[in-house]
Amino acid sequence: MATLASDTFTDADNTDPTSRVPDVGPAPTSTSANYFVDTNKLANTADSIPLTPLVYDAGTANVDVSADVTSASTSGVSWSLAVLVFRYVDDNNFFQVQLYSGEVQVYKWVAGSPSLVDSASFSVADNVTYNIQAVVNGNSIEILIDAVSYIVTSDSTFNTATKHGVNIAQFAPPVSGTTVDNFLVAEIPPPAGAAMLMML
């Protein structure tokens, strides 16, 4: 699979991630000025609600997108979460995947209001790194944690949106220890039949 965007945040501490070119792909964008690099990871100790993701334009809505996330507080009111974002239109319209309160949860934000798309039980712990992966193709959405599939669902909303990324936020900032690393967007290969037709 071709890599469309990749970011390992190997920059000096306090670097603004939107100010430089990542490992692969164009520079990310965000409406927040509070993201920064901390020991070769992405951090944000200031943002709360509303969410302000950091996103990369992959040029396609059909992708395999993943990141290593570490969240300092994954339950209760005083949460601090790093989440995966896909098919981002703007800060009010996008999908996100989070590990919270003993579940893998897929939320859809429409016009600034979140709704739960699907969820599955998952034993999540604070300050532990997990790889969150979303494979989205057409209306199909599959969510994997550490390469294990937990959710397979379908949703046609935003299925032409080409930006994907991450978000870090906390209910009562500042909170340290919530980070993102090894962000990756890969192209989904065409079905075998389509590949054969392309060769003819």
Protein backbone atom coordinates (compact mmCIF):
# COMPACT_ATOMS: atom_id res chain seq x y z
CA MET A 1 0.00 0.00 0.00
CA ALA A 2 1.27 3.46 -0.88
CA THR A 3 1.86 5.82 2.03
CA LEU A 4 -0.11 9.05 1.58
CA ALA A 5 0.86 10.74 4.85
CA SER A 6 3.22 9.83 7.67
CA ASP A 7 4.36 11.74 10.74
CA THR A 8 6.70 10.51 13.48
CA PHE A 9 7.08 14.00 15.01
CA THR A 10 10.88 13.77 15.07
CA ASP A 11 11.36 17.48 15.64
CA ALA A 12 12.75 19.68 18.37
CA ASP A 13 10.60 20.08 21.47
CA ASN A 14 7.90 22.78 21.18
CA THR A 15 7.92 22.70 17.38
CA ASP A 16 4.59 23.68 15.85
CA PRO A 17 3.63 20.61 13.77
CA THR A 18 1.88 22.79 11.17
CA SER A 19 5.11 24.72 10.52
CA ARG A 20 7.10 21.88 8.98
CA VAL A 21 6.78 19.09 6.43
CA PRO A 22 6.14 15.64 7.97
CA ASP A 23 7.89 12.41 6.94
CA VAL A 24 5.51 11.90 4.01
CA GLY A 25 2.84 14.16 2.56
CA PRO A 26 1.84 17.79 3.00
CA ALA A 27 2.07 19.73 6.26
CA PRO A 28 -0.86 19.20 8.61
CA THR A 29 -3.33 21.94 9.45
CA SER A 30 -5.37 22.85 12.52
CA THR A 31 -7.49 25.71 13.78
CA SER A 32 -5.74 25.28 17.13
CA ALA A 33 -2.36 26.86 17.86
CA ASN A 34 -1.83 24.60 20.88
CA TYR A 35 -0.32 21.48 19.31
CA PHE A 36 3.42 21.01 19.84
CA VAL A 37 6.12 18.36 19.68
CA ASP A 38 7.24 16.90 23.01
CA THR A 39 10.01 14.25 23.05
CA ASN A 40 9.21 13.21 19.47
CA LYS A 41 5.48 12.91 20.10
CA LEU A 42 2.52 15.19 19.43
CA ALA A 43 1.09 16.89 22.51
CA ASN A 44 -1.53 19.49 23.41
CA THR A 45 -2.10 20.55 27.01
CA ALA A 46 -4.47 23.46 26.40
CA ASP A 47 -7.42 22.41 24.22
CA SER A 48 -10.76 21.16 25.49
CA ILE A 49 -14.21 21.32 23.88
CA PRO A 50 -14.86 22.19 21.06
CA LEU A 51 -12.49 19.76 19.41
CA THR A 52 -9.84 21.11 17.03
CA PRO A 53 -8.16 18.21 15.20
CA LEU A 54 -4.78 18.26 13.50
CA VAL A 55 -5.40 16.89 9.99
CA TYR A 56 -3.53 15.83 6.86
CA ASP A 57 -5.00 15.98 3.36
CA ALA A 58 -4.45 12.53 1.86
CA GLY A 59 -6.30 13.34 -1.36
CA THR A 60 -8.76 10.48 -0.90
CA ALA A 61 -11.54 9.48 1.48
CA ASN A 62 -10.78 5.75 1.19
CA VAL A 63 -7.80 5.08 3.42
CA ASP A 64 -6.17 2.97 6.09
CA VAL A 65 -5.39 5.53 8.81
CA SER A 66 -3.70 4.81 12.14
CA ALA A 67 -1.80 6.32 15.06
CA ASP A 68 -0.24 5.31 18.35
CA VAL A 69 -2.19 7.09 21.10
CA THR A 70 -1.52 7.44 24.82
CA SER A 71 -4.26 8.96 26.97
CA ALA A 72 -3.66 10.17 30.52
CA SER A 73 -7.27 9.77 31.69
CA THR A 74 -9.67 7.42 29.89
CA SER A 75 -12.69 7.48 32.23
CA GLY A 76 -14.75 9.81 34.38
CA VAL A 77 -15.44 13.49 33.96
CA SER A 78 -11.82 14.66 34.07
CA TRP A 79 -10.81 12.92 30.85
CA SER A 80 -7.72 13.52 28.73
CA LEU A 81 -7.85 11.70 25.40
CA ALA A 82 -5.89 11.29 22.20
CA VAL A 83 -8.23 10.16 19.41
CA LEU A 84 -8.04 9.19 15.75
CA VAL A 85 -9.93 11.38 13.26
CA PHE A 86 -11.00 10.43 9.75
CA ARG A 87 -13.04 12.01 6.97
CA TYR A 88 -12.70 15.48 8.44
CA VAL A 89 -14.63 18.30 6.76
CA ASP A 90 -14.14 20.98 9.41
CA ASP A 91 -14.08 21.24 13.21
CA ASN A 92 -17.83 20.59 13.32
CA ASN A 93 -18.01 17.64 10.91
CA PHE A 94 -15.84 14.52 11.14
CA PHE A 95 -15.52 11.00 12.55
CA GLN A 96 -13.41 10.13 15.57
CA VAL A 97 -12.34 6.90 17.27
CA GLN A 98 -11.59 6.95 20.98
CA LEU A 99 -10.79 4.56 23.81
CA TYR A 100 -12.90 5.66 26.74
CA SER A 101 -14.66 4.14 29.75
CA GLY A 102 -13.92 0.53 28.84
CA GLU A 103 -14.94 0.84 25.18
CA VAL A 104 -13.76 1.47 21.66
CA GLN A 105 -16.12 4.21 20.46
CA VAL A 106 -16.77 5.66 17.00
CA TYR A 107 -18.38 9.11 17.10
CA LYS A 108 -19.66 11.23 14.26
CA TRP A 109 -19.74 15.01 14.66
CA VAL A 110 -22.34 16.74 12.49
CA ALA A 111 -22.83 20.50 12.73
CA GLY A 112 -20.92 20.45 16.02
CA SER A 113 -23.04 17.74 17.70
CA PRO A 114 -21.63 14.24 18.39
CA SER A 115 -23.53 10.99 18.00
CA LEU A 116 -22.32 7.47 18.75
CA VAL A 117 -22.03 5.39 15.57
CA ASP A 118 -20.86 2.15 17.18
CA SER A 119 -18.92 0.82 20.16
CA ALA A 120 -17.34 -2.35 21.51
CA SER A 121 -15.97 -3.43 24.87
CA PHE A 122 -12.26 -2.86 25.31
CA SER A 123 -10.15 -2.94 28.47
CA VAL A 124 -8.41 0.44 28.20
CA ALA A 125 -5.87 1.68 30.74
CA ASP A 126 -4.50 5.15 31.42
CA ASN A 127 -0.99 5.99 30.19
CA VAL A 128 -0.78 2.90 27.97
CA THR A 129 -0.02 3.24 24.26
CA TYR A 130 -2.47 1.68 21.79
CA ASN A 131 -2.49 1.67 18.01
CA ILE A 132 -5.89 2.83 16.72
CA GLN A 133 -6.59 2.00 13.07
CA ALA A 134 -9.55 2.88 10.86
CA VAL A 135 -9.97 1.25 7.46
CA VAL A 136 -12.59 3.23 5.55
CA ASN A 137 -13.67 2.39 2.02
CA GLY A 138 -16.89 3.72 0.55
CA ASN A 139 -19.50 3.37 3.29
CA SER A 140 -17.55 0.63 5.10
CA ILE A 141 -15.74 1.42 8.37
CA GLU A 142 -13.57 -1.06 10.26
CA ILE A 143 -11.85 -0.18 13.54
CA LEU A 144 -8.86 -2.13 14.83
CA ILE A 145 -6.91 -1.78 18.07
CA ASP A 146 -3.39 -3.18 18.02
CA ALA A 147 -4.27 -4.94 14.74
CA VAL A 148 -7.34 -6.68 16.21
CA SER A 149 -10.73 -5.86 14.65
CA TYR A 150 -13.33 -4.57 17.13
CA ILE A 151 -15.92 -2.73 15.03
CA VAL A 152 -17.25 -3.18 11.50
CA THR A 153 -19.98 -0.74 10.58
CA SER A 154 -21.32 1.35 7.72
CA ASP A 155 -21.97 5.08 7.31
CA SER A 156 -22.20 7.19 4.17
CA THR A 157 -21.61 10.57 5.87
CA PHE A 158 -18.56 12.53 4.70
CA ASN A 159 -17.49 9.71 2.37
CA THR A 160 -15.81 12.20 0.02
CA ALA A 161 -13.83 14.01 2.76
CA THR A 162 -10.09 13.57 2.17
CA LYS A 163 -8.60 14.85 5.43
CA HIS A 164 -7.67 12.54 8.30
CA GLY A 165 -5.75 13.11 11.51
CA VAL A 166 -5.78 13.14 15.28
CA ASN A 167 -7.10 15.17 18.17
CA ILE A 168 -5.85 15.73 21.70
CA ALA A 169 -8.14 17.34 24.24
CA GLN A 170 -8.91 17.29 27.95
CA PHE A 171 -11.93 18.26 30.01
CA ALA A 172 -9.98 20.42 32.42
CA PRO A 173 -6.63 21.46 30.91
CA PRO A 174 -3.74 21.47 31.37
CA VAL A 175 -3.08 17.72 31.45
CA SER A 176 0.27 16.21 30.50
CA GLY A 177 0.99 12.70 29.27
CA THR A 178 -1.60 12.48 26.49
CA THR A 179 0.30 12.07 23.21
CA VAL A 180 0.18 10.81 19.62
CA ASP A 181 2.96 9.16 17.63
CA ASN A 182 3.48 7.30 14.35
CA PHE A 183 0.56 8.78 12.44
CA LEU A 184 0.04 7.02 9.12
CA VAL A 185 -2.36 7.23 6.19
CA ALA A 186 -2.05 4.47 3.58
CA GLU A 187 -3.83 3.98 0.30
CA ILE A 188 -6.32 1.12 0.14
CA PRO A 189 -5.50 -1.15 -2.80
CA PRO A 190 -8.27 -1.70 -5.34
CA PRO A 191 -10.21 -5.00 -5.25
CA ALA A 192 -8.52 -7.89 -7.04
CA GLY A 193 -11.02 -7.71 -9.92
CA ALA A 194 -10.37 -4.01 -10.42
CA ALA A 195 -6.62 -4.61 -10.43
CA MET A 196 -7.00 -7.24 -13.15
CA LEU A 197 -9.07 -4.88 -15.30
CA MET A 198 -6.40 -2.18 -14.95
CA MET A 199 -3.82 -4.63 -16.33
CA LEU A 200 -5.84 -5.43 -19.47
